[in-house]
Amino acid sequence: MTRKQKRLSVIVGGLAFLGAATGLTFYALGQKASYFYMPADLTTASVQPGQRIRLGGLVEKGTVQRGQGATVAFSVTDTHKSVKVTYTGILPDLFREEQGVITEGTFGPDGVFVADSVLAKHDERYMPKEVADGLKAKGVWQESKSE
């Protein structure tokens, strides 16, 4: 083998290695992706049972019910549709009705969303980007004009 052939084989081998690493990385990220949905989006989406998703919207007024232990049931709404959610754990301190929230989990066999994490907004001017974009598109939420 000449020097030119050795150099070419090292370059081709390196590119093949980088291509395989990139392909495996994208495959792994695709398996871990949690798709974001608003409640109204779920009527047209094909969410498989057990598929992890993120559900975002506002905590519907009058739906927060505390169960035994740390179990809480509430509904997430985008003012057009609502989805019942159950969560077992400690809720964020700023979790309350009519506030922005993102829950992550799966749908149970009874159609209730079983969340394993709940994220709440952290001040009056902040709304999670996905929730704000979804609510703005439906004309429900507007940004505060005061800075």
C-alpha atoms as a PDB file:
ATOM      1  CA  MET A   1       0.000   0.000   0.000  1.00  0.00           C
ATOM      2  CA  THR A   2       1.285   3.423  -0.864  1.00  0.00           C
ATOM      3  CA  ARG A   3       1.137   6.391   1.494  1.00  0.00           C
ATOM      4  CA  LYS A   4      -1.699   7.853  -0.521  1.00  0.00           C
ATOM      5  CA  GLN A   5      -3.762   4.659  -0.213  1.00  0.00           C
ATOM      6  CA  LYS A   6      -3.096   4.457   3.560  1.00  0.00           C
ATOM      7  CA  ARG A   7      -4.149   8.066   4.027  1.00  0.00           C
ATOM      8  CA  LEU A   8      -7.290   7.506   1.968  1.00  0.00           C
ATOM      9  CA  SER A   9      -8.220   4.354   3.922  1.00  0.00           C
ATOM     10  CA  VAL A  10      -7.800   6.214   7.249  1.00  0.00           C
ATOM     11  CA  ILE A  11     -10.003   9.057   6.004  1.00  0.00           C
ATOM     12  CA  VAL A  12     -12.682   6.668   4.687  1.00  0.00           C
ATOM     13  CA  GLY A  13     -12.586   4.666   7.941  1.00  0.00           C
ATOM     14  CA  GLY A  14     -12.913   7.874  10.008  1.00  0.00           C
ATOM     15  CA  LEU A  15     -15.857   9.079   7.938  1.00  0.00           C
ATOM     16  CA  ALA A  16     -17.551   5.696   8.249  1.00  0.00           C
ATOM     17  CA  PHE A  17     -17.067   5.795  12.036  1.00  0.00           C
ATOM     18  CA  LEU A  18     -18.475   9.352  12.274  1.00  0.00           C
ATOM     19  CA  GLY A  19     -21.432   8.395  10.070  1.00  0.00           C
ATOM     20  CA  ALA A  20     -22.249   5.378  12.249  1.00  0.00           C
ATOM     21  CA  ALA A  21     -21.926   7.450  15.442  1.00  0.00           C
ATOM     22  CA  THR A  22     -24.212  10.158  14.017  1.00  0.00           C
ATOM     23  CA  GLY A  23     -26.792   7.591  12.919  1.00  0.00           C
ATOM     24  CA  LEU A  24     -26.836   5.901  16.330  1.00  0.00           C
ATOM     25  CA  THR A  25     -27.147   9.262  18.077  1.00  0.00           C
ATOM     26  CA  PHE A  26     -30.168  10.294  16.002  1.00  0.00           C
ATOM     27  CA  TYR A  27     -31.749   6.875  16.523  1.00  0.00           C
ATOM     28  CA  ALA A  28     -31.304   7.127  20.307  1.00  0.00           C
ATOM     29  CA  LEU A  29     -32.688  10.667  20.425  1.00  0.00           C
ATOM     30  CA  GLY A  30     -35.698   9.613  18.372  1.00  0.00           C
ATOM     31  CA  GLN A  31     -36.487   6.882  20.893  1.00  0.00           C
ATOM     32  CA  LYS A  32     -36.408   9.337  23.821  1.00  0.00           C
ATOM     33  CA  ALA A  33     -38.432  12.118  22.203  1.00  0.00           C
ATOM     34  CA  SER A  34     -41.530  13.271  24.044  1.00  0.00           C
ATOM     35  CA  TYR A  35     -43.905  14.986  21.668  1.00  0.00           C
ATOM     36  CA  PHE A  36     -45.785  18.062  22.887  1.00  0.00           C
ATOM     37  CA  TYR A  37     -49.567  18.289  22.580  1.00  0.00           C
ATOM     38  CA  MET A  38     -52.267  20.706  23.632  1.00  0.00           C
ATOM     39  CA  PRO A  39     -55.577  19.082  24.666  1.00  0.00           C
ATOM     40  CA  ALA A  40     -57.300  20.009  21.374  1.00  0.00           C
ATOM     41  CA  ASP A  41     -54.395  18.483  19.400  1.00  0.00           C
ATOM     42  CA  LEU A  42     -55.074  15.072  20.937  1.00  0.00           C
ATOM     43  CA  THR A  43     -58.350  14.683  19.008  1.00  0.00           C
ATOM     44  CA  THR A  44     -56.462  14.534  15.698  1.00  0.00           C
ATOM     45  CA  ALA A  45     -53.193  12.979  16.928  1.00  0.00           C
ATOM     46  CA  SER A  46     -52.594   9.251  16.928  1.00  0.00           C
ATOM     47  CA  VAL A  47     -51.091   8.771  20.378  1.00  0.00           C
ATOM     48  CA  GLN A  48     -50.448   5.098  21.097  1.00  0.00           C
ATOM     49  CA  PRO A  49     -51.206   3.749  24.596  1.00  0.00           C
ATOM     50  CA  GLY A  50     -48.015   3.863  26.625  1.00  0.00           C
ATOM     51  CA  GLN A  51     -46.389   6.438  24.329  1.00  0.00           C
ATOM     52  CA  ARG A  52     -44.706   9.200  26.344  1.00  0.00           C
ATOM     53  CA  ILE A  53     -45.906  12.688  25.507  1.00  0.00           C
ATOM     54  CA  ARG A  54     -45.890  16.151  26.980  1.00  0.00           C
ATOM     55  CA  LEU A  55     -49.297  17.650  27.623  1.00  0.00           C
ATOM     56  CA  GLY A  56     -49.459  21.400  28.118  1.00  0.00           C
ATOM     57  CA  GLY A  57     -52.030  24.066  28.759  1.00  0.00           C
ATOM     58  CA  LEU A  58     -53.691  25.755  31.700  1.00  0.00           C
ATOM     59  CA  VAL A  59     -54.844  24.048  34.891  1.00  0.00           C
ATOM     60  CA  GLU A  60     -58.623  24.195  34.578  1.00  0.00           C
ATOM     61  CA  LYS A  61     -60.387  26.137  37.327  1.00  0.00           C
ATOM     62  CA  GLY A  62     -62.238  24.001  39.872  1.00  0.00           C
ATOM     63  CA  THR A  63     -60.679  20.681  38.838  1.00  0.00           C
ATOM     64  CA  VAL A  64     -57.845  20.253  41.354  1.00  0.00           C
ATOM     65  CA  GLN A  65     -58.723  17.374  43.686  1.00  0.00           C
ATOM     66  CA  ARG A  66     -56.300  16.059  46.269  1.00  0.00           C
ATOM     67  CA  GLY A  67     -56.536  12.325  46.884  1.00  0.00           C
ATOM     68  CA  GLN A  68     -54.909  10.044  49.404  1.00  0.00           C
ATOM     69  CA  GLY A  69     -51.254  10.698  50.066  1.00  0.00           C
ATOM     70  CA  ALA A  70     -49.571  12.736  47.369  1.00  0.00           C
ATOM     71  CA  THR A  71     -52.059  11.903  44.573  1.00  0.00           C
ATOM     72  CA  VAL A  72     -53.615  14.885  42.815  1.00  0.00           C
ATOM     73  CA  ALA A  73     -56.165  14.905  39.987  1.00  0.00           C
ATOM     74  CA  PHE A  74     -56.743  17.945  37.801  1.00  0.00           C
ATOM     75  CA  SER A  75     -57.584  18.870  34.220  1.00  0.00           C
ATOM     76  CA  VAL A  76     -55.378  20.593  31.676  1.00  0.00           C
ATOM     77  CA  THR A  77     -57.227  22.782  29.180  1.00  0.00           C
ATOM     78  CA  ASP A  78     -56.588  25.025  26.221  1.00  0.00           C
ATOM     79  CA  THR A  79     -60.138  26.428  26.685  1.00  0.00           C
ATOM     80  CA  HIS A  80     -61.411  24.269  23.799  1.00  0.00           C
ATOM     81  CA  LYS A  81     -60.772  20.785  25.182  1.00  0.00           C
ATOM     82  CA  SER A  82     -59.758  19.397  28.567  1.00  0.00           C
ATOM     83  CA  VAL A  83     -57.771  16.325  29.549  1.00  0.00           C
ATOM     84  CA  LYS A  84     -57.994  14.724  32.985  1.00  0.00           C
ATOM     85  CA  VAL A  85     -54.590  14.218  34.617  1.00  0.00           C
ATOM     86  CA  THR A  86     -53.485  12.304  37.700  1.00  0.00           C
ATOM     87  CA  TYR A  87     -50.132  12.843  39.347  1.00  0.00           C
ATOM     88  CA  THR A  88     -48.587  11.203  42.376  1.00  0.00           C
ATOM     89  CA  GLY A  89     -45.826  13.266  43.898  1.00  0.00           C
ATOM     90  CA  ILE A  90     -45.069  16.697  45.205  1.00  0.00           C
ATOM     91  CA  LEU A  91     -46.391  19.466  42.974  1.00  0.00           C
ATOM     92  CA  PRO A  92     -44.314  22.584  42.314  1.00  0.00           C
ATOM     93  CA  ASP A  93     -44.996  25.417  44.776  1.00  0.00           C
ATOM     94  CA  LEU A  94     -46.379  27.640  42.012  1.00  0.00           C
ATOM     95  CA  PHE A  95     -48.863  25.043  40.751  1.00  0.00           C
ATOM     96  CA  ARG A  96     -52.387  26.485  40.885  1.00  0.00           C
ATOM     97  CA  GLU A  97     -55.559  26.826  38.861  1.00  0.00           C
ATOM     98  CA  GLU A  98     -55.540  28.879  35.645  1.00  0.00           C
ATOM     99  CA  GLN A  99     -51.741  28.789  35.417  1.00  0.00           C
ATOM    100  CA  GLY A 100     -49.541  27.352  32.688  1.00  0.00           C
ATOM    101  CA  VAL A 101     -48.353  23.792  33.166  1.00  0.00           C
ATOM    102  CA  ILE A 102     -46.566  21.061  31.237  1.00  0.00           C
ATOM    103  CA  THR A 103     -47.066  17.455  32.314  1.00  0.00           C
ATOM    104  CA  GLU A 104     -45.119  14.495  30.993  1.00  0.00           C
ATOM    105  CA  GLY A 105     -46.354  10.917  31.050  1.00  0.00           C
ATOM    106  CA  THR A 106     -48.651   8.444  29.294  1.00  0.00           C
ATOM    107  CA  PHE A 107     -52.361   7.782  28.874  1.00  0.00           C
ATOM    108  CA  GLY A 108     -53.799   5.041  31.073  1.00  0.00           C
ATOM    109  CA  PRO A 109     -56.293   2.439  29.827  1.00  0.00           C
ATOM    110  CA  ASP A 110     -59.175   4.574  31.168  1.00  0.00           C
ATOM    111  CA  GLY A 111     -58.148   7.585  29.035  1.00  0.00           C
ATOM    112  CA  VAL A 112     -56.783   9.565  31.981  1.00  0.00           C
ATOM    113  CA  PHE A 113     -53.317  11.052  31.491  1.00  0.00           C
ATOM    114  CA  VAL A 114     -50.957   9.659  34.150  1.00  0.00           C
ATOM    115  CA  ALA A 115     -48.211  12.229  34.665  1.00  0.00           C
ATOM    116  CA  ASP A 116     -44.847  11.402  36.169  1.00  0.00           C
ATOM    117  CA  SER A 117     -43.598  15.006  36.108  1.00  0.00           C
ATOM    118  CA  VAL A 118     -45.318  18.376  36.350  1.00  0.00           C
ATOM    119  CA  LEU A 119     -43.675  21.675  35.432  1.00  0.00           C
ATOM    120  CA  ALA A 120     -45.289  24.995  36.395  1.00  0.00           C
ATOM    121  CA  LYS A 121     -44.491  28.546  35.348  1.00  0.00           C
ATOM    122  CA  HIS A 122     -42.176  30.470  37.635  1.00  0.00           C
ATOM    123  CA  ASP A 123     -43.442  34.071  37.560  1.00  0.00           C
ATOM    124  CA  GLU A 124     -46.268  36.208  36.214  1.00  0.00           C
ATOM    125  CA  ARG A 125     -44.601  36.972  32.885  1.00  0.00           C
ATOM    126  CA  TYR A 126     -43.313  33.496  32.014  1.00  0.00           C
ATOM    127  CA  MET A 127     -45.246  30.757  30.275  1.00  0.00           C
ATOM    128  CA  PRO A 128     -43.529  27.625  28.917  1.00  0.00           C
ATOM    129  CA  LYS A 129     -42.796  28.297  25.231  1.00  0.00           C
ATOM    130  CA  GLU A 130     -44.784  25.364  23.872  1.00  0.00           C
ATOM    131  CA  VAL A 131     -47.817  26.270  26.003  1.00  0.00           C
ATOM    132  CA  ALA A 132     -47.620  29.973  25.151  1.00  0.00           C
ATOM    133  CA  ASP A 133     -47.316  29.252  21.415  1.00  0.00           C
ATOM    134  CA  GLY A 134     -50.266  26.858  21.514  1.00  0.00           C
ATOM    135  CA  LEU A 135     -52.461  29.247  23.507  1.00  0.00           C
ATOM    136  CA  LYS A 136     -51.472  32.232  21.339  1.00  0.00           C
ATOM    137  CA  ALA A 137     -52.413  30.274  18.204  1.00  0.00           C
ATOM    138  CA  LYS A 138     -55.872  29.701  19.698  1.00  0.00           C
ATOM    139  CA  GLY A 139     -56.162  33.368  20.770  1.00  0.00           C
ATOM    140  CA  VAL A 140     -56.419  32.511  24.471  1.00  0.00           C
ATOM    141  CA  TRP A 141     -53.188  33.869  25.958  1.00  0.00           C
ATOM    142  CA  GLN A 142     -51.468  37.178  25.372  1.00  0.00           C
ATOM    143  CA  GLU A 143     -48.122  38.343  26.673  1.00  0.00           C
ATOM    144  CA  SER A 144     -48.064  40.895  29.437  1.00  0.00           C
ATOM    145  CA  LYS A 145     -47.289  44.386  28.104  1.00  0.00           C
ATOM    146  CA  SER A 146     -45.407  45.499  31.233  1.00  0.00           C
ATOM    147  CA  GLU A 147     -41.719  44.709  31.356  1.00  0.00           C
END
